[in-house]
Protein backbone atom coordinates (compact mmCIF):
# COMPACT_ATOMS: atom_id res chain seq x y z
CA UNK A 1 25.66 -12.59 -1.89
CA UNK A 2 24.84 -15.07 0.85
CA UNK A 3 23.56 -18.48 -0.22
CA UNK A 4 20.73 -17.94 2.26
CA UNK A 5 19.36 -14.99 0.30
CA UNK A 6 15.90 -15.35 -1.24
CA UNK A 7 16.30 -15.14 -5.01
CA UNK A 8 13.68 -12.87 -6.56
CA UNK A 9 12.29 -12.71 -10.06
CA UNK A 10 10.22 -9.63 -10.95
CA UNK A 11 7.41 -9.74 -13.51
CA UNK A 12 6.74 -6.24 -14.80
CA UNK A 13 9.56 -3.77 -15.42
CA UNK A 14 7.48 -0.60 -15.43
CA UNK A 15 7.61 2.51 -13.30
CA UNK A 16 6.50 0.93 -10.05
CA UNK A 17 9.21 -1.73 -10.27
CA UNK A 18 11.88 0.92 -10.92
CA UNK A 19 10.48 3.42 -8.42
CA UNK A 20 9.62 1.13 -5.52
CA UNK A 21 10.40 -2.54 -5.56
CA UNK A 22 13.83 -2.84 -7.14
CA UNK A 23 15.46 -0.01 -5.12
CA UNK A 24 13.96 -1.43 -1.91
CA UNK A 25 15.10 -5.00 -2.62
CA UNK A 26 18.63 -3.81 -3.41
CA UNK A 27 18.96 -2.42 0.11
CA UNK A 28 18.02 -5.74 1.75
CA UNK A 29 20.77 -8.37 2.06
CA UNK A 30 18.14 -11.07 2.61
CA UNK A 31 17.11 -10.83 -1.05
CA UNK A 32 18.92 -11.20 -4.36
CA UNK A 33 17.44 -9.98 -7.63
CA UNK A 34 18.15 -12.65 -10.23
CA UNK A 35 15.61 -12.10 -13.03
CA UNK A 36 13.19 -9.60 -14.53
CA UNK A 37 10.58 -9.95 -17.26
CA UNK A 38 8.56 -7.53 -19.37
CA UNK A 39 6.28 -7.78 -22.39
CA UNK A 40 9.08 -6.42 -24.55
CA UNK A 41 12.54 -7.94 -24.41
CA UNK A 42 14.10 -4.49 -24.75
CA UNK A 43 12.33 -3.24 -21.63
CA UNK A 44 13.45 -6.26 -19.63
CA UNK A 45 17.04 -5.90 -20.83
CA UNK A 46 17.08 -2.18 -20.01
CA UNK A 47 15.90 -2.86 -16.48
CA UNK A 48 18.41 -5.71 -16.08
CA UNK A 49 21.30 -3.52 -17.23
CA UNK A 50 20.23 -0.54 -15.13
CA UNK A 51 19.94 -2.53 -11.89
CA UNK A 52 22.49 -5.28 -12.45
CA UNK A 53 19.98 -8.13 -12.72
CA UNK A 54 21.53 -11.24 -14.33
CA UNK A 55 18.61 -12.46 -16.51
CA UNK A 56 15.97 -10.71 -18.61
CA UNK A 57 12.89 -12.41 -20.09
CA UNK A 58 10.10 -11.34 -22.43
CA UNK A 59 8.01 -14.33 -21.29
CA UNK A 60 6.88 -14.27 -17.65
CA UNK A 61 6.33 -18.01 -17.65
CA UNK A 62 9.99 -18.57 -18.50
CA UNK A 63 10.95 -16.50 -15.47
CA UNK A 64 8.58 -18.54 -13.30
CA UNK A 65 10.20 -21.77 -14.54
CA UNK A 66 13.70 -20.48 -13.84
CA UNK A 67 15.14 -22.83 -11.17
CA UNK A 68 17.17 -19.98 -9.65
CA UNK A 69 14.01 -18.01 -8.78
CA UNK A 70 12.62 -18.67 -5.29
CA UNK A 71 10.16 -15.79 -5.05
CA UNK A 72 8.10 -14.34 -7.90
CA UNK A 73 7.00 -10.70 -7.55
CA UNK A 74 4.04 -9.92 -9.83
CA UNK A 75 3.94 -6.18 -10.58
CA UNK A 76 1.85 -6.14 -13.75
CA UNK A 77 -1.47 -4.27 -14.13
CA UNK A 78 -4.14 -5.83 -11.92
CA UNK A 79 -6.13 -7.38 -14.78
CA UNK A 80 -3.08 -9.48 -15.76
CA UNK A 81 -2.20 -10.88 -12.33
CA UNK A 82 -4.44 -13.92 -11.88
CA UNK A 83 -2.79 -16.28 -14.42
CA UNK A 84 0.72 -15.19 -13.39
CA UNK A 85 0.16 -15.59 -9.65
CA UNK A 86 -1.53 -18.93 -10.30
CA UNK A 87 1.35 -20.15 -12.47
CA UNK A 88 3.90 -19.16 -9.81
CA UNK A 89 1.97 -20.99 -7.09
CA UNK A 90 1.56 -24.09 -9.23
CA UNK A 91 5.31 -24.04 -9.89
CA UNK A 92 5.88 -24.17 -6.13
CA UNK A 93 7.31 -20.65 -5.98
CA UNK A 94 6.65 -18.20 -3.17
CA UNK A 95 4.75 -15.24 -4.57
CA UNK A 96 4.38 -11.51 -3.87
CA UNK A 97 1.57 -9.71 -5.68
CA UNK A 98 1.14 -5.98 -5.79
CA UNK A 99 -2.18 -4.61 -4.58
CA UNK A 100 -4.85 -5.15 -5.81
CA UNK A 101 -4.39 -8.90 -6.04
CA UNK A 102 -7.25 -9.38 -8.53
CA UNK A 103 -10.32 -7.58 -9.84
CA UNK A 104 -12.81 -10.08 -8.34
CA UNK A 105 -13.20 -11.50 -4.84
CA UNK A 106 -13.79 -14.99 -6.20
CA UNK A 107 -10.44 -14.93 -8.02
CA UNK A 108 -8.66 -13.79 -4.85
CA UNK A 109 -10.30 -16.56 -2.83
CA UNK A 110 -9.26 -19.13 -5.44
CA UNK A 111 -5.62 -17.96 -5.38
CA UNK A 112 -5.56 -17.98 -1.58
CA UNK A 113 -6.93 -21.53 -1.46
CA UNK A 114 -4.39 -22.69 -4.07
CA UNK A 115 -1.47 -21.07 -2.21
CA UNK A 116 -2.50 -22.66 1.07
CA UNK A 117 -2.96 -26.06 -0.57
CA UNK A 118 0.49 -25.83 -2.20
CA UNK A 119 2.11 -24.63 1.03
CA UNK A 120 3.85 -21.66 -0.58
CA UNK A 121 4.39 -18.33 1.14
CA UNK A 122 2.19 -15.61 -0.30
CA UNK A 123 2.04 -11.85 0.25
CA UNK A 124 -0.13 -9.03 -1.12
CA UNK A 125 1.62 -5.66 -1.22
CA UNK A 126 -0.29 -3.54 1.28
CA UNK A 127 3.06 -2.30 2.50
CA UNK A 128 1.96 1.01 4.03
CA UNK A 129 0.99 -0.84 7.21
CA UNK A 130 4.70 -1.59 7.70
CA UNK A 131 5.73 2.08 7.80
CA UNK A 132 7.20 3.17 11.15
CA UNK A 133 4.50 5.79 11.75
CA UNK A 134 1.64 3.39 11.00
CA UNK A 135 3.09 0.73 13.31
CA UNK A 136 3.77 3.26 16.07
CA UNK A 137 0.20 4.60 15.87
CA UNK A 138 -1.17 1.05 15.96
CA UNK A 139 0.90 0.31 19.07
CA UNK A 140 -0.18 3.51 20.79
CA UNK A 141 -3.87 2.72 20.28
CA UNK A 142 -3.38 -0.92 21.32
CA UNK A 143 -1.69 0.19 24.54
CA UNK A 144 -4.51 2.56 25.43
CA UNK A 145 -3.04 5.94 24.50
CA UNK A 146 -6.43 7.25 23.37
CA UNK A 147 -8.47 5.01 25.68
CA UNK A 148 -11.49 3.43 24.00
CA UNK A 149 -11.68 4.46 20.35
CA UNK A 150 -14.66 6.75 19.76
CA UNK A 151 -14.04 7.65 16.13
CA UNK A 152 -11.53 7.30 13.30
CA UNK A 153 -11.38 9.63 10.33
CA UNK A 154 -9.22 9.49 7.21
CA UNK A 155 -8.86 11.93 4.33
CA UNK A 156 -6.71 11.16 1.28
CA UNK A 157 -6.27 13.76 -1.46
CA UNK A 158 -3.97 13.23 -4.45
CA UNK A 159 -3.30 14.68 -7.87
CA UNK A 160 -3.38 11.18 -9.42
CA UNK A 161 -5.99 10.25 -12.05
CA UNK A 162 -6.54 13.75 -13.51
CA UNK A 163 -8.91 14.18 -16.49
CA UNK A 164 -5.98 14.61 -18.91
CA UNK A 165 -3.29 11.91 -18.85
CA UNK A 166 -0.39 10.72 -21.06
CA UNK A 167 -1.03 8.07 -23.69
CA UNK A 168 1.22 5.56 -21.90
CA UNK A 169 -1.30 5.30 -19.05
CA UNK A 170 -4.46 5.54 -21.16
CA UNK A 171 -5.14 1.89 -20.33
CA UNK A 172 -6.17 3.09 -16.84
CA UNK A 173 -9.11 5.07 -18.31
CA UNK A 174 -11.35 2.01 -18.25
CA UNK A 175 -13.04 0.92 -15.04
CA UNK A 176 -12.31 -2.76 -15.71
CA UNK A 177 -8.58 -1.97 -15.47
CA UNK A 178 -9.26 -1.66 -11.72
CA UNK A 179 -6.84 1.25 -11.39
CA UNK A 180 -8.62 4.14 -9.72
CA UNK A 181 -9.08 5.94 -6.40
CA UNK A 182 -11.23 3.29 -4.74
CA UNK A 183 -9.29 0.21 -5.83
CA UNK A 184 -5.76 1.58 -5.33
CA UNK A 185 -5.86 4.28 -2.68
CA UNK A 186 -8.90 2.82 -0.95
CA UNK A 187 -7.14 -0.49 -0.46
CA UNK A 188 -3.82 0.93 0.71
CA UNK A 189 -5.14 3.57 3.10
CA UNK A 190 -8.16 1.77 4.54
CA UNK A 191 -5.78 -1.06 5.41
CA UNK A 192 -3.74 1.44 7.45
CA UNK A 193 -6.80 3.00 9.08
CA UNK A 194 -8.29 -0.32 10.19
CA UNK A 195 -4.92 -1.64 11.35
CA UNK A 196 -4.71 1.34 13.71
CA UNK A 197 -8.33 1.74 14.81
CA UNK A 198 -9.59 -1.84 14.53
CA UNK A 199 -11.57 -3.66 11.83
CA UNK A 200 -14.87 -2.36 10.43
CA UNK A 201 -18.21 -3.90 11.33
CA UNK A 202 -20.43 -2.29 8.70
CA UNK A 203 -20.38 0.70 6.36
CA UNK A 204 -22.34 2.86 3.94
CA UNK A 205 -20.51 4.41 1.01
CA UNK A 206 -21.00 6.74 -1.94
CA UNK A 207 -18.84 6.97 -5.06
CA UNK A 208 -18.98 9.57 -7.78
CA UNK A 209 -17.49 9.84 -11.26
CA UNK A 210 -16.77 13.56 -11.38
CA UNK A 211 -14.74 13.37 -14.61
CA UNK A 212 -16.92 11.26 -16.94
CA UNK A 213 -14.70 12.06 -19.93
CA UNK A 214 -10.93 11.57 -19.94
CA UNK A 215 -8.49 12.93 -22.50
CA UNK A 216 -5.28 11.52 -23.98
CA UNK A 217 -2.74 14.29 -23.59
CA UNK A 218 -0.78 13.78 -26.81
CA UNK A 219 -3.69 13.22 -29.22
CA UNK A 220 -6.67 14.98 -27.64
CA UNK A 221 -8.70 11.78 -27.95
CA UNK A 222 -11.52 11.61 -25.39
CA UNK A 223 -12.72 8.44 -23.69
CA UNK A 224 -15.89 7.98 -21.60
CA UNK A 225 -15.06 6.95 -18.03
CA UNK A 226 -17.01 5.33 -15.19
CA UNK A 227 -14.11 5.34 -12.74
CA UNK A 228 -14.83 6.74 -9.25
CA UNK A 229 -12.97 9.99 -8.58
CA UNK A 230 -14.60 10.73 -5.21
CA UNK A 231 -15.33 8.23 -2.45
CA UNK A 232 -17.01 8.82 0.90
CA UNK A 233 -17.95 6.26 3.52
CA UNK A 234 -19.17 6.08 7.10
CA UNK A 235 -19.52 3.07 9.32
CA UNK A 236 -18.98 1.40 12.66
CA UNK A 237 -15.92 -0.39 13.99
CA UNK A 238 -16.05 -3.76 15.72
CA UNK A 239 -14.91 -2.06 18.93
CA UNK A 240 -17.97 0.19 18.89
CA UNK A 241 -16.41 3.35 17.48
CA UNK A 242 -17.43 5.11 14.28
CA UNK A 243 -15.32 5.88 11.21
CA UNK A 244 -15.47 8.13 8.17
CA UNK A 245 -13.53 8.12 4.91
CA UNK A 246 -12.90 10.58 2.08
CA UNK A 247 -10.79 9.71 -0.96
CA UNK A 248 -10.38 12.32 -3.69
CA UNK A 249 -8.34 12.12 -6.87
CA UNK A 250 -7.40 14.64 -9.55
CA UNK A 251 -6.79 17.45 -7.05
CA UNK A 252 -5.00 20.47 -8.46
CA UNK A 253 -3.49 21.09 -5.02
CA UNK A 254 -3.12 17.75 -3.21
CA UNK A 255 -4.29 17.81 0.40
CA UNK A 256 -2.29 14.69 1.26
CA UNK A 257 -3.09 12.41 4.17
CA UNK A 258 -4.77 13.03 7.49
CA UNK A 259 -5.90 10.38 9.97
CA UNK A 260 -7.55 11.31 13.28
CA UNK A 261 -8.17 8.79 16.05
CA UNK A 262 -10.20 10.13 18.97
CA UNK A 263 -10.85 8.23 22.17
CA UNK A 264 -12.06 8.51 25.74
CA UNK A 265 -8.57 9.45 26.99
CA UNK A 266 -6.73 11.12 24.13
CA UNK A 267 -6.31 11.82 20.43
CA UNK A 268 -3.85 10.94 17.68
CA UNK A 269 -3.32 12.60 14.31
CA UNK A 270 -1.19 11.32 11.41
CA UNK A 271 -0.42 13.72 8.57
CA UNK A 272 1.61 13.88 5.39
CA UNK A 273 1.70 16.66 2.81
CA UNK A 274 1.62 13.98 0.13
CA UNK A 275 -0.30 10.74 0.26
CA UNK A 276 1.68 9.28 -2.66
CA UNK A 277 5.28 9.59 -3.84
CA UNK A 278 6.16 10.95 -0.43
CA UNK A 279 9.83 10.85 0.53
CA UNK A 280 9.25 10.93 4.29
CA UNK A 281 7.03 8.94 6.60
CA UNK A 282 3.90 10.40 8.24
CA UNK A 283 4.09 12.76 11.20
CA UNK A 284 2.26 11.73 14.39
CA UNK A 285 0.81 14.18 16.89
CA UNK A 286 -0.93 13.04 20.05
CA UNK A 287 -2.40 14.40 23.23
CA UNK A 288 -3.78 12.82 26.41
CA UNK A 289 -4.14 13.90 30.04
CA UNK A 290 -0.92 14.05 32.10
CA UNK A 291 -0.27 10.90 34.09
CA UNK A 292 2.43 9.83 36.52
CA UNK A 293 2.14 6.22 35.40
CA UNK A 294 2.70 4.86 31.91
CA UNK A 295 -0.45 4.15 29.92
CA UNK A 296 -1.19 0.60 28.85
CA UNK A 297 1.17 -2.31 29.28
CA UNK A 298 4.46 -2.98 27.55
CA UNK A 299 4.39 -6.04 25.31
CA UNK A 300 6.80 -7.51 22.81
CA UNK A 301 4.86 -5.89 19.96
CA UNK A 302 5.19 -2.38 21.39
CA UNK A 303 8.63 -2.21 22.93
CA UNK A 304 10.05 -0.76 19.73
CA UNK A 305 7.97 2.36 20.39
CA UNK A 306 8.69 2.66 24.12
CA UNK A 307 11.63 5.04 23.65
CA UNK A 308 9.45 7.33 21.61
CA UNK A 309 6.70 7.11 24.24
CA UNK A 310 9.11 8.31 26.92
CA UNK A 311 9.20 11.70 25.18
CA UNK A 312 5.62 12.45 26.24
CA UNK A 313 5.44 16.08 27.34
CA UNK A 314 4.19 17.24 30.74
CA UNK A 315 0.91 18.43 29.22
CA UNK A 316 0.23 14.91 27.95
CA UNK A 317 1.07 15.57 24.30
CA UNK A 318 3.57 13.66 22.20
CA UNK A 319 5.90 15.47 19.81
CA UNK A 320 5.63 14.78 16.09
CA UNK A 321 7.50 11.68 14.99
CA UNK A 322 8.93 11.65 11.48
CA UNK A 323 10.73 8.65 10.10
CA UNK A 324 14.41 9.20 9.34
CA UNK A 325 14.22 6.84 6.37
CA UNK A 326 13.50 8.26 2.96
CA UNK A 327 11.83 5.16 1.61
CA UNK A 328 8.99 5.91 -0.84
CA UNK A 329 5.61 4.28 -0.31
CA UNK A 330 2.86 3.83 -2.85
């Protein structure tokens, strides 16, 4: 391993670490996994043995103090992140926090101010914006493929958060755990939508708790719930267009992801059969009037998409683009 590699310590050895972060980091030569911590020593040791990580801790603060850790990745449940992110920053470590960063805006603002004052690098894991399809769609809109944006629509349907769930995730039943459709999927997918179509100016939203009673699968115990299962919103974009949003959890037959961007010159559509635990990137379809001259202007931020743009058909449409990588996204 190169001495220039960033040495990473992961706090939280649960499913998301094993499913997403650790496999991704192992493919990147710029990073070296050197430590992992969990609430139980056995869990940390199991993860360390499985992935070849040198050190395992049952105390996250010991991992943070480890002099061989340059970057601390905080992957715990949201309600536990504030003290851990704060401790990492105060120790002078760069920090990556999964989304959501915190459960309160004031806590997020405090952590941001502390990170900036300490001069550490800090990242929140809204990683879907880095997917090839999301970046390509952003570049197409920025270069004028659809003309002026008239409207942006997003629909996200998943089978997550059903009314009956295993005991190991019963902690998510409570709204103060901040693990539900609005906080998780709303954050990840609205970030993608507004990266493509432009930031929102104002909005009106409705949320509904359609499953007010949740059940522990193994025991049959029922728990009252105030978590939102259905979210709808409409609003205006800063560029003058309109947008609409639907987020729906606990679907028996997941509808997946669909984003439509309509404009004065063309349209774009991004789709995926699954919005979560998908093994392939989104497919992009587009259509605009035929033109003998390229639309927009080529800039350094869009050249990576120029080869794909050259495949525009004579009728003005663009063929679907599916990423060749099989990297999972949350």
